[in-house]
Amino acid sequence: MTNLGTAIENEGKPLKFWFDINVVKEASALGSQSQSSITEDDKTITSYTSSSSVEIAYLYPLLNYSTSLGATDVSFSYSSSNAAEIEVDSFGVVSSLVEESASTTITIVAAKGTDTVTRALIVNLDVSGGITTEVIEGGVSGTAREALTTTIDTSLSGASTSLQQSLFSTENHVSQNYTRNSSLILNASHLAALTCESPWNSSGGTKKAGTLVTPRHVVLANHYRYGNGTTVRFVGTDGTVFNRTVIQGKRVDNGANPTDVYIALLNEDLPNDITPCEIFPSNYATYLPSGNNSAAANSLPIIALNQENKVVLLDFNYVYDSSGSYNRALFSVPVKTDRLAFNKTIIAGDSGSPLFAVNDTKLLLVSTFTTPKAGPFYGDLTSALNSTIAEVDALAGISTGYTVTEGDLSSYTVY
């Protein structure tokens, strides 16, 4: 009898994909509030004090693995067993409908094509005494927070979503005819920087987004990647089209831990017409200190791009330490009115789309979407990105010598 070995299905995993759920709670004011203005380190803050408060919970599903490339992304839906007292919206925000402590079971259904995974957790929302809530309005003069906030907020002031949210005024993927939107927010200062985003590829069309980080390397979501032979398109500021072909690729591993980042190598360099983005700096906390009630970089406005090639505004919440795996950046719907107007629901198919902080005329890559509110934190992955670039080059039998470029915040106040 011949031993043919052991067949392992789904890479030895019991399900085709799996996700964890990070729960973040914060208190929300009830009743009347008083307010005052304060300054803390690099932050200008409005402080609101209420007589009582109720908890709000934010659910962040984090994809652990996916054993197949698949044709569709992972989407999440939520339901509450006690909807009369506690509701959950499509973003996974759990809030109380009564002014008393209450409990519910939240069911989360993740879907990838015809495959689904269901998880449930109990969420308790407590009513307690008065709280002080601090809303970060902006940054102190000379700080990185001021620089990373003012450019976006100034551009958003009085802006029109119908005229200023789309990257292109003409966008025909079949005829390869593109005209950059001259009214786009940040257009005057960041038109060249926005060319790092690929608006189309032959594998997913406007989905499976890719972002250029060197003249020849693209990052995208590992769970929603394209393979060798895929045509990836970039568009210059004047509408000139540049098509390249993927010849090799590899998932980025953070030490022994796999991430949801994939690097694709193109068959030749992009010209200077296309500007690779920079990476959010690993030493960011030196310039963006944590406050008494906030994490470093909390409430920074973030420019995201989606599958419709539109600009979406989100707030950077904080970096989630995933205990030895790799850190994720978490995001939320903006609080400030002008930012909220440019917010748009992140949906299935947006995975891999980039999220940028804006510094001077440059875009700093903070993350690429894994879920609608979270993705790998690139500020911790510079070394892993560079080593993977070298590995991908070696697999293709070449050496480009390229590495990613970290953003530089050294001209701002040190804390």
Protein backbone atom coordinates (compact mmCIF):
# COMPACT_ATOMS: atom_id res chain seq x y z
CA MET A 1 0.00 0.00 0.00
CA THR A 2 1.40 3.37 -1.00
CA ASN A 3 1.17 6.31 1.42
CA LEU A 4 0.11 9.31 -0.64
CA GLY A 5 0.46 11.74 2.25
CA THR A 6 -2.09 13.94 3.97
CA ALA A 7 -4.39 16.31 2.12
CA ILE A 8 -4.94 19.60 3.92
CA GLU A 9 -7.99 21.62 2.93
CA ASN A 10 -8.31 25.41 3.40
CA GLU A 11 -4.63 25.63 4.39
CA GLY A 12 -5.46 23.57 7.51
CA LYS A 13 -7.96 26.15 8.77
CA PRO A 14 -11.52 25.12 9.75
CA LEU A 15 -13.14 28.04 7.87
CA LYS A 16 -12.33 29.88 4.67
CA PHE A 17 -11.95 33.12 6.62
CA TRP A 18 -12.15 34.33 10.21
CA PHE A 19 -12.37 37.64 12.02
CA ASP A 20 -11.94 39.02 15.52
CA ILE A 21 -13.96 41.87 17.01
CA ASN A 22 -12.37 44.77 18.84
CA VAL A 23 -14.86 46.63 21.06
CA VAL A 24 -14.15 50.24 21.99
CA LYS A 25 -16.43 52.07 24.41
CA GLU A 26 -16.75 55.73 25.18
CA ALA A 27 -19.18 57.79 27.24
CA SER A 28 -21.69 60.05 25.53
CA ALA A 29 -23.24 63.04 27.27
CA LEU A 30 -26.88 63.08 28.42
CA GLY A 31 -28.81 66.24 29.25
CA SER A 32 -27.55 69.82 29.17
CA GLN A 33 -23.87 70.64 28.76
CA SER A 34 -21.52 73.50 29.53
CA GLN A 35 -18.45 74.15 27.39
CA SER A 36 -15.03 75.79 27.52
CA SER A 37 -11.90 76.04 25.33
CA ILE A 38 -8.58 74.56 26.44
CA THR A 39 -5.14 73.78 25.00
CA GLU A 40 -3.26 70.56 25.70
CA ASP A 41 0.19 69.97 24.21
CA ASP A 42 -0.37 70.18 20.43
CA LYS A 43 -4.18 70.26 20.59
CA THR A 44 -6.82 72.99 20.69
CA ILE A 45 -9.86 71.48 22.36
CA THR A 46 -13.46 72.32 23.16
CA SER A 47 -14.44 70.74 26.47
CA TYR A 48 -18.10 69.79 27.11
CA THR A 49 -19.33 68.84 30.63
CA SER A 50 -22.64 67.05 31.18
CA SER A 51 -24.62 66.01 34.26
CA SER A 52 -24.88 62.34 33.20
CA SER A 53 -23.66 60.01 30.46
CA VAL A 54 -24.37 56.76 28.64
CA GLU A 55 -21.86 54.46 26.96
CA ILE A 56 -21.53 54.01 23.19
CA ALA A 57 -19.71 50.97 21.82
CA TYR A 58 -17.83 50.80 18.51
CA LEU A 59 -17.32 47.37 16.96
CA TYR A 60 -14.21 46.91 14.81
CA PRO A 61 -14.19 43.54 13.02
CA LEU A 62 -10.62 42.65 12.06
CA LEU A 63 -10.07 40.02 9.37
CA ASN A 64 -7.56 37.44 10.63
CA TYR A 65 -7.15 35.40 7.48
CA SER A 66 -8.74 34.43 4.19
CA THR A 67 -7.70 31.18 2.52
CA SER A 68 -8.85 32.18 -0.96
CA LEU A 69 -8.29 35.18 -3.19
CA GLY A 70 -11.97 35.22 -4.08
CA ALA A 71 -13.90 37.48 -6.41
CA THR A 72 -15.59 39.47 -3.70
CA ASP A 73 -14.62 41.35 -0.58
CA VAL A 74 -15.70 40.66 3.00
CA SER A 75 -18.73 42.65 4.15
CA PHE A 76 -20.13 42.88 7.68
CA SER A 77 -23.73 43.26 8.91
CA TYR A 78 -24.97 43.74 12.47
CA SER A 79 -28.17 43.07 14.43
CA SER A 80 -29.24 43.60 18.05
CA SER A 81 -31.31 41.11 20.06
CA ASN A 82 -32.67 43.99 22.18
CA ALA A 83 -33.37 46.55 19.47
CA ALA A 84 -36.04 48.27 21.59
CA GLU A 85 -33.35 49.44 24.03
CA ILE A 86 -30.03 49.16 22.18
CA GLU A 87 -29.55 49.63 18.44
CA VAL A 88 -26.61 48.94 16.16
CA ASP A 89 -26.11 50.70 12.83
CA SER A 90 -24.47 49.54 9.60
CA PHE A 91 -21.10 50.87 10.82
CA GLY A 92 -21.15 48.71 13.97
CA VAL A 93 -21.91 51.64 16.29
CA VAL A 94 -23.92 50.39 19.29
CA SER A 95 -26.00 53.02 21.10
CA SER A 96 -28.69 53.12 23.75
CA LEU A 97 -32.28 54.21 23.12
CA VAL A 98 -33.08 54.45 26.83
CA GLU A 99 -31.54 56.53 29.60
CA GLU A 100 -30.70 53.54 31.78
CA SER A 101 -28.17 50.73 31.75
CA ALA A 102 -29.06 47.97 29.29
CA SER A 103 -27.63 44.88 27.61
CA THR A 104 -27.96 43.18 24.22
CA THR A 105 -26.44 40.45 22.09
CA ILE A 106 -24.95 41.78 18.87
CA THR A 107 -24.76 39.31 16.00
CA ILE A 108 -22.13 40.03 13.34
CA VAL A 109 -22.40 38.26 10.00
CA ALA A 110 -19.37 38.41 7.72
CA ALA A 111 -19.94 37.50 4.08
CA LYS A 112 -17.43 36.72 1.34
CA GLY A 113 -19.25 35.67 -1.80
CA THR A 114 -21.46 32.74 -0.79
CA ASP A 115 -19.43 32.01 2.36
CA THR A 116 -20.52 33.46 5.70
CA VAL A 117 -19.14 33.46 9.23
CA THR A 118 -21.34 34.50 12.17
CA ARG A 119 -20.18 35.67 15.56
CA ALA A 120 -22.06 37.06 18.56
CA LEU A 121 -21.09 39.05 21.62
CA ILE A 122 -22.86 40.58 24.59
CA VAL A 123 -22.62 44.37 24.85
CA ASN A 124 -23.51 46.21 28.05
CA LEU A 125 -24.10 49.97 27.92
CA ASP A 126 -24.08 51.69 31.31
CA VAL A 127 -25.53 55.03 32.39
CA SER A 128 -23.36 56.84 34.92
CA GLY A 129 -22.55 60.26 36.31
CA GLY A 130 -21.47 63.39 34.52
CA ILE A 131 -18.55 63.38 32.12
CA THR A 132 -16.32 65.82 30.35
CA THR A 133 -16.00 65.22 26.62
CA GLU A 134 -13.17 66.82 24.69
CA VAL A 135 -13.45 67.53 20.96
CA ILE A 136 -10.10 68.18 19.29
CA GLU A 137 -10.66 71.16 17.00
CA GLY A 138 -7.16 71.62 15.59
CA GLY A 139 -3.48 72.08 16.36
CA VAL A 140 -1.27 74.61 18.11
CA SER A 141 0.84 76.76 15.81
CA GLY A 142 4.07 75.09 14.72
CA THR A 143 2.91 71.55 15.48
CA ALA A 144 2.50 68.56 13.19
CA ARG A 145 -1.16 68.43 14.22
CA GLU A 146 -1.70 71.93 12.89
CA ALA A 147 0.01 71.04 9.60
CA LEU A 148 -1.84 67.73 9.18
CA THR A 149 -5.20 69.32 10.05
CA THR A 150 -5.23 72.81 8.56
CA THR A 151 -4.60 71.91 4.92
CA ILE A 152 -7.57 69.52 4.85
CA ASP A 153 -9.96 71.61 6.96
CA THR A 154 -9.22 74.77 4.97
CA SER A 155 -9.85 72.94 1.72
CA LEU A 156 -13.15 71.55 3.05
CA SER A 157 -14.51 74.88 4.25
CA GLY A 158 -17.49 75.75 2.05
CA ALA A 159 -16.70 72.90 -0.38
CA SER A 160 -19.38 71.16 -2.44
CA THR A 161 -19.54 67.36 -2.43
CA SER A 162 -21.28 67.34 -5.81
CA LEU A 163 -18.43 69.27 -7.44
CA GLN A 164 -15.33 68.62 -5.36
CA GLN A 165 -15.36 64.96 -4.25
CA SER A 166 -14.60 63.06 -7.48
CA LEU A 167 -11.00 62.60 -8.67
CA PHE A 168 -12.06 62.80 -12.32
CA SER A 169 -14.56 64.91 -14.23
CA THR A 170 -14.21 62.50 -17.18
CA GLU A 171 -13.59 58.82 -16.45
CA ASN A 172 -13.91 56.23 -19.24
CA HIS A 173 -12.02 53.04 -18.48
CA VAL A 174 -12.80 51.45 -21.84
CA SER A 175 -11.49 54.29 -24.02
CA GLN A 176 -8.86 55.14 -21.37
CA ASN A 177 -10.03 58.75 -21.35
CA TYR A 178 -9.52 60.61 -18.06
CA THR A 179 -9.72 64.27 -17.08
CA ARG A 180 -8.68 65.27 -13.59
CA ASN A 181 -11.37 67.21 -11.71
CA SER A 182 -10.13 70.80 -11.57
CA SER A 183 -12.54 71.50 -8.68
CA LEU A 184 -11.39 68.61 -6.48
CA ILE A 185 -10.59 69.55 -2.89
CA LEU A 186 -6.81 69.80 -2.40
CA ASN A 187 -6.49 70.06 -6.19
CA ALA A 188 -4.17 73.06 -6.23
CA SER A 189 -1.63 71.59 -3.81
CA HIS A 190 -2.02 67.81 -4.17
CA LEU A 191 -2.93 67.06 -7.77
CA ALA A 192 0.46 65.46 -8.41
CA ALA A 193 0.44 63.54 -5.12
CA LEU A 194 -2.95 61.97 -5.92
CA THR A 195 -1.51 60.27 -9.01
CA CYS A 196 -0.21 57.49 -6.71
CA GLU A 197 -3.74 56.02 -6.72
CA SER A 198 -4.59 53.52 -9.44
CA PRO A 199 -8.15 54.16 -10.70
CA TRP A 200 -8.50 50.87 -12.60
CA ASN A 201 -7.00 47.39 -13.01
CA SER A 202 -7.88 44.45 -15.25
CA SER A 203 -8.69 42.15 -12.31
CA GLY A 204 -11.22 44.20 -10.35
CA GLY A 205 -11.96 47.24 -12.48
CA THR A 206 -12.24 50.16 -10.03
CA LYS A 207 -12.07 47.67 -7.12
CA LYS A 208 -8.95 45.97 -5.68
CA ALA A 209 -7.33 49.37 -5.36
CA GLY A 210 -3.56 49.71 -5.62
CA THR A 211 -1.34 52.54 -4.37
CA LEU A 212 2.15 53.28 -5.68
CA VAL A 213 4.83 53.40 -2.94
CA THR A 214 7.92 53.30 -5.19
CA PRO A 215 8.18 53.91 -8.94
CA ARG A 216 7.62 50.19 -9.45
CA HIS A 217 5.82 48.76 -6.40
CA VAL A 218 2.14 48.85 -5.48
CA VAL A 219 0.49 48.04 -2.13
CA LEU A 220 -3.02 46.63 -1.79
CA ALA A 221 -5.05 44.43 0.58
CA ASN A 222 -3.69 40.89 0.75
CA HIS A 223 -7.21 39.46 1.11
CA TYR A 224 -8.35 41.36 -2.01
CA ARG A 225 -5.29 41.34 -4.23
CA TYR A 226 -4.72 40.85 -7.94
CA GLY A 227 -2.28 38.35 -9.41
CA ASN A 228 0.54 38.25 -11.91
CA GLY A 229 -0.45 39.39 -15.37
CA THR A 230 -2.89 42.01 -14.11
CA THR A 231 -2.81 45.36 -15.90
CA VAL A 232 -2.64 48.25 -13.42
CA ARG A 233 -3.43 51.77 -14.64
CA PHE A 234 -2.20 55.15 -13.44
CA VAL A 235 -3.21 58.58 -14.69
CA GLY A 236 -1.02 61.68 -14.77
CA THR A 237 -2.13 65.19 -13.83
CA ASP A 238 -2.81 65.97 -17.51
CA GLY A 239 -4.83 62.78 -18.08
CA THR A 240 -1.99 60.80 -19.68
CA VAL A 241 -2.54 57.06 -19.10
CA PHE A 242 0.24 54.69 -18.03
CA ASN A 243 -0.48 50.94 -17.99
CA ARG A 244 1.81 48.47 -16.28
CA THR A 245 1.70 44.70 -15.74
CA VAL A 246 2.14 42.84 -12.44
CA ILE A 247 5.02 40.37 -12.77
CA GLN A 248 5.42 39.26 -9.14
CA GLY A 249 3.92 39.80 -5.70
CA LYS A 250 4.04 38.76 -2.05
CA ARG A 251 2.19 39.27 1.20
CA VAL A 252 3.97 41.49 3.72
CA ASP A 253 4.85 39.63 6.91
CA ASN A 254 5.62 41.51 10.11
CA GLY A 255 8.23 39.12 11.45
CA ALA A 256 6.43 35.79 11.70
CA ASN A 257 3.01 37.47 11.54
CA PRO A 258 1.15 37.80 8.22
CA THR A 259 -0.47 41.18 7.54
CA ASP A 260 -3.27 42.25 5.24
CA VAL A 261 -0.78 44.04 2.98
CA TYR A 262 0.35 42.74 -0.42
CA ILE A 263 3.13 44.20 -2.57
CA ALA A 264 2.92 43.85 -6.35
CA LEU A 265 5.93 44.42 -8.62
CA LEU A 266 5.29 46.08 -11.98
CA ASN A 267 7.06 45.22 -15.23
CA GLU A 268 8.66 48.68 -15.47
CA ASP A 269 8.95 51.95 -13.58
CA LEU A 270 6.27 54.60 -13.69
CA PRO A 271 7.62 57.94 -15.01
CA ASN A 272 7.91 61.14 -12.98
CA ASP A 273 4.36 62.02 -14.07
CA ILE A 274 3.21 59.59 -11.35
CA THR A 275 4.23 60.39 -7.75
CA PRO A 276 4.64 57.53 -5.24
CA CYS A 277 3.16 58.31 -1.84
CA GLU A 278 5.19 58.44 1.36
CA ILE A 279 4.56 56.28 4.44
CA PHE A 280 3.20 57.72 7.68
CA PRO A 281 6.34 58.06 9.84
CA SER A 282 7.12 55.45 12.48
CA ASN A 283 8.21 58.16 14.93
CA TYR A 284 4.88 60.01 14.67
CA ALA A 285 4.29 59.97 18.46
CA THR A 286 7.34 62.25 18.87
CA TYR A 287 5.36 64.97 17.12
CA LEU A 288 1.78 63.91 17.96
CA PRO A 289 1.69 63.30 21.72
CA SER A 290 -1.04 61.41 23.53
CA GLY A 291 -3.26 63.55 25.74
CA ASN A 292 -5.07 62.76 28.96
CA ASN A 293 -8.10 61.51 27.02
CA SER A 294 -6.69 60.87 23.57
CA ALA A 295 -4.21 58.64 21.78
CA ALA A 296 -1.43 60.05 19.63
CA ALA A 297 -2.81 61.19 16.25
CA ASN A 298 -6.38 61.05 17.62
CA SER A 299 -8.92 63.02 15.54
CA LEU A 300 -6.55 63.80 12.67
CA PRO A 301 -8.52 64.23 9.45
CA ILE A 302 -7.73 61.47 6.96
CA ILE A 303 -8.28 61.49 3.20
CA ALA A 304 -9.46 58.10 1.95
CA LEU A 305 -10.17 57.05 -1.64
CA ASN A 306 -12.87 54.55 -2.57
CA GLN A 307 -13.89 52.33 -5.50
CA GLU A 308 -15.83 55.23 -7.04
CA ASN A 309 -12.57 57.22 -7.22
CA LYS A 310 -13.95 59.71 -4.76
CA VAL A 311 -12.36 61.43 -1.76
CA VAL A 312 -13.83 60.32 1.59
CA LEU A 313 -13.10 62.02 4.94
CA LEU A 314 -12.56 60.02 8.12
CA ASP A 315 -11.08 60.75 11.54
CA PHE A 316 -8.04 58.80 12.72
CA ASN A 317 -8.95 57.32 16.12
CA TYR A 318 -5.84 55.49 17.29
CA VAL A 319 -3.51 52.57 16.65
CA TYR A 320 -4.78 49.27 17.99
CA ASP A 321 -2.12 47.00 19.46
CA SER A 322 -3.04 43.51 18.29
CA SER A 323 -0.79 41.74 20.78
CA GLY A 324 2.18 40.50 18.78
CA SER A 325 0.54 40.27 15.37
CA TYR A 326 0.55 43.64 13.63
CA ASN A 327 -0.98 46.96 14.61
CA ARG A 328 -4.12 48.29 13.00
CA ALA A 329 -5.18 51.89 12.51
CA LEU A 330 -8.79 52.53 13.53
CA PHE A 331 -10.98 55.23 11.99
CA SER A 332 -14.39 56.77 12.64
CA VAL A 333 -17.03 58.96 11.04
CA PRO A 334 -15.89 62.59 11.50
CA VAL A 335 -17.31 64.80 14.24
CA LYS A 336 -16.64 68.17 12.59
CA THR A 337 -19.36 69.30 10.17
CA ASP A 338 -17.20 70.06 7.11
CA ARG A 339 -15.46 66.68 7.34
CA LEU A 340 -18.74 64.86 7.90
CA ALA A 341 -20.14 66.31 4.66
CA PHE A 342 -17.36 64.51 2.75
CA ASN A 343 -17.80 61.22 4.57
CA LYS A 344 -19.18 58.28 2.60
CA THR A 345 -19.98 54.74 3.69
CA ILE A 346 -17.10 52.34 3.06
CA ILE A 347 -18.52 49.20 1.46
CA ALA A 348 -17.48 45.81 0.10
CA GLY A 349 -15.06 46.40 -2.74
CA ASP A 350 -13.29 49.32 -1.04
CA SER A 351 -10.73 46.99 0.59
CA GLY A 352 -7.17 48.01 -0.19
CA SER A 353 -8.16 51.61 -0.92
CA PRO A 354 -5.68 54.02 0.67
CA LEU A 355 -6.06 56.37 3.64
CA PHE A 356 -3.72 59.36 3.76
CA ALA A 357 -2.66 62.06 6.15
CA VAL A 358 -1.85 65.29 4.31
CA ASN A 359 1.45 67.08 4.99
CA ASP A 360 2.40 70.10 2.89
CA THR A 361 2.06 68.88 -0.73
CA LYS A 362 2.59 65.22 0.19
CA LEU A 363 0.34 62.31 1.03
CA LEU A 364 1.41 60.03 3.89
CA LEU A 365 -0.05 56.51 3.68
CA VAL A 366 -1.61 55.66 7.06
CA SER A 367 -3.47 52.50 6.07
CA THR A 368 -5.35 50.54 3.42
CA PHE A 369 -8.86 49.32 4.24
CA THR A 370 -9.30 45.81 5.64
CA THR A 371 -12.73 46.63 7.10
CA PRO A 372 -14.82 49.82 6.79
CA LYS A 373 -13.15 51.30 9.87
CA ALA A 374 -9.75 49.65 10.17
CA GLY A 375 -6.66 48.51 8.34
CA PRO A 376 -2.95 47.79 8.89
CA PHE A 377 -1.00 50.71 10.34
CA TYR A 378 1.76 51.46 7.84
CA GLY A 379 3.69 53.58 10.33
CA ASP A 380 4.82 50.33 11.97
CA LEU A 381 5.56 48.47 8.74
CA THR A 382 8.38 50.41 7.06
CA SER A 383 11.00 47.71 7.64
CA ALA A 384 8.60 44.94 6.66
CA LEU A 385 7.62 46.79 3.47
CA ASN A 386 11.25 47.27 2.47
CA SER A 387 12.24 43.66 3.13
CA THR A 388 9.22 42.43 1.16
CA ILE A 389 10.14 44.69 -1.76
CA ALA A 390 13.59 43.06 -1.82
CA GLU A 391 11.99 39.58 -1.65
CA VAL A 392 9.55 40.33 -4.47
CA ASP A 393 12.39 41.67 -6.62
CA ALA A 394 14.41 38.50 -5.96
CA LEU A 395 11.46 36.30 -6.92
CA ALA A 396 11.34 38.15 -10.22
CA GLY A 397 15.11 37.79 -10.67
CA ILE A 398 15.81 41.53 -10.53
CA SER A 399 16.92 44.18 -8.05
CA THR A 400 15.21 47.57 -8.31
CA GLY A 401 17.02 48.95 -5.26
CA TYR A 402 13.82 50.75 -4.25
CA THR A 403 12.61 51.31 -0.70
CA VAL A 404 9.59 53.19 0.59
CA THR A 405 9.98 56.78 1.79
CA GLU A 406 8.83 57.74 5.28
CA GLY A 407 7.18 61.11 5.75
CA ASP A 408 9.26 63.71 7.58
CA LEU A 409 7.72 65.62 10.49
CA SER A 410 11.04 66.84 11.92
CA SER A 411 10.31 70.52 11.17
CA TYR A 412 7.50 70.51 13.73
CA THR A 413 7.49 70.78 17.54
CA VAL A 414 8.95 67.79 19.41
CA TYR A 415 7.15 66.43 22.50
